[in-house]
Amino acid sequence: MTNLEKFFTALNTLRANTECTVNGNIVTEDNFNNNIQWTTGVDGEMAITVSSCPHSELTWTAVKAEMDKL
């Protein structure tokens, strides 16, 4: 399983149906904080995204712990 697959599996475990776009691998807290666009809604056909995680349960520590289990 790749790091990216682990990342998305961990997200789904912690918060089902979370949508985001990832730029590169998420292997460090810096990657987690800077390389993800989190989808918060849709305006017509365009996704509304934010760069900081809008979900309090999805911290780097929690995501990394789940990734390490895989």
N, C-alpha and C. Protein backbone atom coordinates (compact mmCIF):
# COMPACT_ATOMS: atom_id res chain seq x y z
N MET A 1 0.84 -1.17 0.00
CA MET A 1 0.00 0.00 0.00
C MET A 1 0.90 1.25 0.00
N THR A 2 0.63 2.18 -0.88
CA THR A 2 1.42 3.41 -0.97
C THR A 2 1.07 4.36 0.18
N ASN A 3 1.92 5.35 0.41
CA ASN A 3 1.63 6.35 1.43
C ASN A 3 0.34 7.10 1.14
N LEU A 4 0.08 7.39 -0.13
CA LEU A 4 -1.14 8.09 -0.49
C LEU A 4 -2.37 7.24 -0.21
N GLU A 5 -2.29 5.96 -0.50
CA GLU A 5 -3.40 5.05 -0.18
C GLU A 5 -3.61 4.98 1.33
N LYS A 6 -2.53 4.92 2.08
CA LYS A 6 -2.62 4.91 3.54
C LYS A 6 -3.27 6.20 4.04
N PHE A 7 -2.88 7.32 3.45
CA PHE A 7 -3.44 8.60 3.86
C PHE A 7 -4.96 8.61 3.67
N PHE A 8 -5.41 8.23 2.49
CA PHE A 8 -6.86 8.26 2.22
C PHE A 8 -7.61 7.22 3.05
N THR A 9 -7.00 6.07 3.31
CA THR A 9 -7.62 5.07 4.18
C THR A 9 -7.75 5.62 5.60
N ALA A 10 -6.70 6.27 6.08
CA ALA A 10 -6.73 6.87 7.42
C ALA A 10 -7.80 7.95 7.51
N LEU A 11 -7.90 8.80 6.49
CA LEU A 11 -8.95 9.83 6.48
C LEU A 11 -10.32 9.20 6.58
N ASN A 12 -10.55 8.18 5.76
CA ASN A 12 -11.87 7.53 5.75
C ASN A 12 -12.18 6.86 7.08
N THR A 13 -11.16 6.34 7.75
CA THR A 13 -11.35 5.71 9.06
C THR A 13 -11.73 6.76 10.10
N LEU A 14 -11.07 7.89 10.08
CA LEU A 14 -11.31 8.93 11.08
C LEU A 14 -12.56 9.76 10.80
N ARG A 15 -12.86 9.97 9.51
CA ARG A 15 -14.02 10.77 9.12
C ARG A 15 -14.44 10.35 7.72
N ALA A 16 -15.46 9.53 7.68
CA ALA A 16 -15.93 8.97 6.40
C ALA A 16 -16.36 10.09 5.45
N ASN A 17 -16.15 9.85 4.17
CA ASN A 17 -16.59 10.73 3.09
C ASN A 17 -15.92 12.11 3.08
N THR A 18 -14.75 12.22 3.64
CA THR A 18 -14.01 13.47 3.60
C THR A 18 -13.38 13.61 2.22
N GLU A 19 -13.59 14.78 1.60
CA GLU A 19 -13.06 15.01 0.26
C GLU A 19 -11.94 16.03 0.30
N CYS A 20 -10.87 15.71 -0.42
CA CYS A 20 -9.75 16.64 -0.52
C CYS A 20 -8.94 16.30 -1.75
N THR A 21 -8.09 17.24 -2.14
CA THR A 21 -7.15 17.06 -3.23
C THR A 21 -5.75 17.18 -2.65
N VAL A 22 -4.91 16.21 -2.98
CA VAL A 22 -3.57 16.16 -2.42
C VAL A 22 -2.55 16.45 -3.50
N ASN A 23 -1.56 17.26 -3.16
CA ASN A 23 -0.45 17.56 -4.06
C ASN A 23 0.79 16.87 -3.52
N GLY A 24 1.15 15.71 -4.09
CA GLY A 24 2.31 14.96 -3.62
C GLY A 24 1.94 13.95 -2.54
N ASN A 25 2.95 13.44 -1.87
CA ASN A 25 2.75 12.49 -0.77
C ASN A 25 2.53 13.24 0.53
N ILE A 26 1.75 12.66 1.41
CA ILE A 26 1.53 13.23 2.73
C ILE A 26 2.27 12.34 3.73
N VAL A 27 3.51 12.72 4.02
CA VAL A 27 4.35 11.91 4.90
C VAL A 27 4.88 12.69 6.10
N THR A 28 4.63 14.01 6.12
CA THR A 28 5.07 14.84 7.23
C THR A 28 3.95 15.80 7.62
N GLU A 29 4.08 16.39 8.79
CA GLU A 29 3.10 17.39 9.22
C GLU A 29 3.09 18.59 8.29
N ASP A 30 4.26 18.96 7.77
CA ASP A 30 4.34 20.06 6.82
C ASP A 30 3.54 19.75 5.56
N ASN A 31 3.66 18.53 5.04
CA ASN A 31 2.85 18.11 3.88
C ASN A 31 1.37 18.20 4.20
N PHE A 32 1.00 17.71 5.38
CA PHE A 32 -0.41 17.71 5.81
C PHE A 32 -0.95 19.13 5.87
N ASN A 33 -0.15 20.05 6.36
CA ASN A 33 -0.60 21.43 6.55
C ASN A 33 -0.55 22.26 5.28
N ASN A 34 0.25 21.86 4.29
CA ASN A 34 0.46 22.72 3.13
C ASN A 34 0.13 22.12 1.77
N ASN A 35 -0.09 20.82 1.67
CA ASN A 35 -0.26 20.19 0.36
C ASN A 35 -1.64 19.58 0.14
N ILE A 36 -2.62 20.05 0.90
CA ILE A 36 -3.97 19.50 0.78
C ILE A 36 -4.96 20.64 0.60
N GLN A 37 -5.88 20.47 -0.33
CA GLN A 37 -7.02 21.36 -0.50
C GLN A 37 -8.27 20.58 -0.06
N TRP A 38 -8.89 21.04 1.01
CA TRP A 38 -10.04 20.37 1.60
C TRP A 38 -11.33 20.89 0.97
N THR A 39 -12.16 19.99 0.48
CA THR A 39 -13.42 20.37 -0.15
C THR A 39 -14.47 20.60 0.93
N THR A 40 -15.07 21.79 0.90
CA THR A 40 -16.09 22.14 1.90
C THR A 40 -17.48 22.28 1.30
N GLY A 41 -17.57 22.26 -0.02
CA GLY A 41 -18.87 22.37 -0.67
C GLY A 41 -18.71 22.46 -2.17
N VAL A 42 -19.82 22.78 -2.82
CA VAL A 42 -19.84 22.91 -4.27
C VAL A 42 -20.65 24.15 -4.63
N ASP A 43 -20.14 24.93 -5.57
CA ASP A 43 -20.83 26.10 -6.09
C ASP A 43 -21.07 25.84 -7.57
N GLY A 44 -22.26 25.42 -7.90
CA GLY A 44 -22.54 25.01 -9.27
C GLY A 44 -21.79 23.72 -9.56
N GLU A 45 -20.82 23.79 -10.45
CA GLU A 45 -19.99 22.63 -10.77
C GLU A 45 -18.59 22.74 -10.19
N MET A 46 -18.30 23.83 -9.50
CA MET A 46 -16.97 24.07 -8.95
C MET A 46 -16.91 23.71 -7.47
N ALA A 47 -15.86 22.99 -7.10
CA ALA A 47 -15.65 22.65 -5.68
C ALA A 47 -15.20 23.88 -4.92
N ILE A 48 -15.68 24.02 -3.70
CA ILE A 48 -15.22 25.06 -2.80
C ILE A 48 -14.19 24.41 -1.91
N THR A 49 -12.97 24.95 -1.90
CA THR A 49 -11.89 24.33 -1.12
C THR A 49 -11.23 25.34 -0.20
N VAL A 50 -10.62 24.81 0.84
CA VAL A 50 -9.82 25.62 1.77
C VAL A 50 -8.50 24.90 1.98
N SER A 51 -7.46 25.66 2.35
CA SER A 51 -6.15 25.05 2.51
C SER A 51 -5.89 24.52 3.93
N SER A 52 -6.63 25.00 4.91
CA SER A 52 -6.46 24.46 6.27
C SER A 52 -7.61 23.49 6.55
N CYS A 53 -7.30 22.42 7.24
CA CYS A 53 -8.28 21.37 7.49
C CYS A 53 -9.45 21.91 8.32
N PRO A 54 -10.68 21.78 7.81
CA PRO A 54 -11.84 22.29 8.52
C PRO A 54 -12.43 21.29 9.53
N HIS A 55 -11.81 20.14 9.67
CA HIS A 55 -12.35 19.08 10.51
C HIS A 55 -11.44 18.88 11.73
N SER A 56 -11.93 19.20 12.91
CA SER A 56 -11.10 19.18 14.12
C SER A 56 -10.57 17.79 14.45
N GLU A 57 -11.27 16.75 14.06
CA GLU A 57 -10.81 15.40 14.35
C GLU A 57 -9.69 14.92 13.43
N LEU A 58 -9.44 15.66 12.37
CA LEU A 58 -8.39 15.28 11.42
C LEU A 58 -7.13 16.10 11.67
N THR A 59 -6.40 15.73 12.67
CA THR A 59 -5.10 16.34 12.94
C THR A 59 -4.01 15.47 12.33
N TRP A 60 -2.82 16.02 12.16
CA TRP A 60 -1.71 15.22 11.65
C TRP A 60 -1.44 14.05 12.58
N THR A 61 -1.47 14.27 13.87
CA THR A 61 -1.19 13.21 14.84
C THR A 61 -2.17 12.05 14.68
N ALA A 62 -3.45 12.36 14.55
CA ALA A 62 -4.47 11.32 14.41
C ALA A 62 -4.33 10.58 13.08
N VAL A 63 -4.13 11.34 12.01
CA VAL A 63 -3.99 10.72 10.68
C VAL A 63 -2.75 9.85 10.62
N LYS A 64 -1.64 10.36 11.13
CA LYS A 64 -0.38 9.60 11.12
C LYS A 64 -0.52 8.31 11.93
N ALA A 65 -1.19 8.37 13.07
CA ALA A 65 -1.39 7.16 13.90
C ALA A 65 -2.17 6.11 13.11
N GLU A 66 -3.19 6.53 12.39
CA GLU A 66 -3.96 5.58 11.58
C GLU A 66 -3.12 5.04 10.42
N MET A 67 -2.34 5.89 9.80
CA MET A 67 -1.47 5.44 8.70
C MET A 67 -0.47 4.41 9.19
N ASP A 68 0.07 4.62 10.40
CA ASP A 68 1.05 3.69 10.96
C ASP A 68 0.46 2.32 11.25
N LYS A 69 -0.84 2.24 11.44
CA LYS A 69 -1.50 0.95 11.70
C LYS A 69 -1.61 0.10 10.44
N LEU A 70 -1.50 0.75 9.28
CA LEU A 70 -1.69 0.03 8.01
C LEU A 70 -0.43 -0.61 7.50
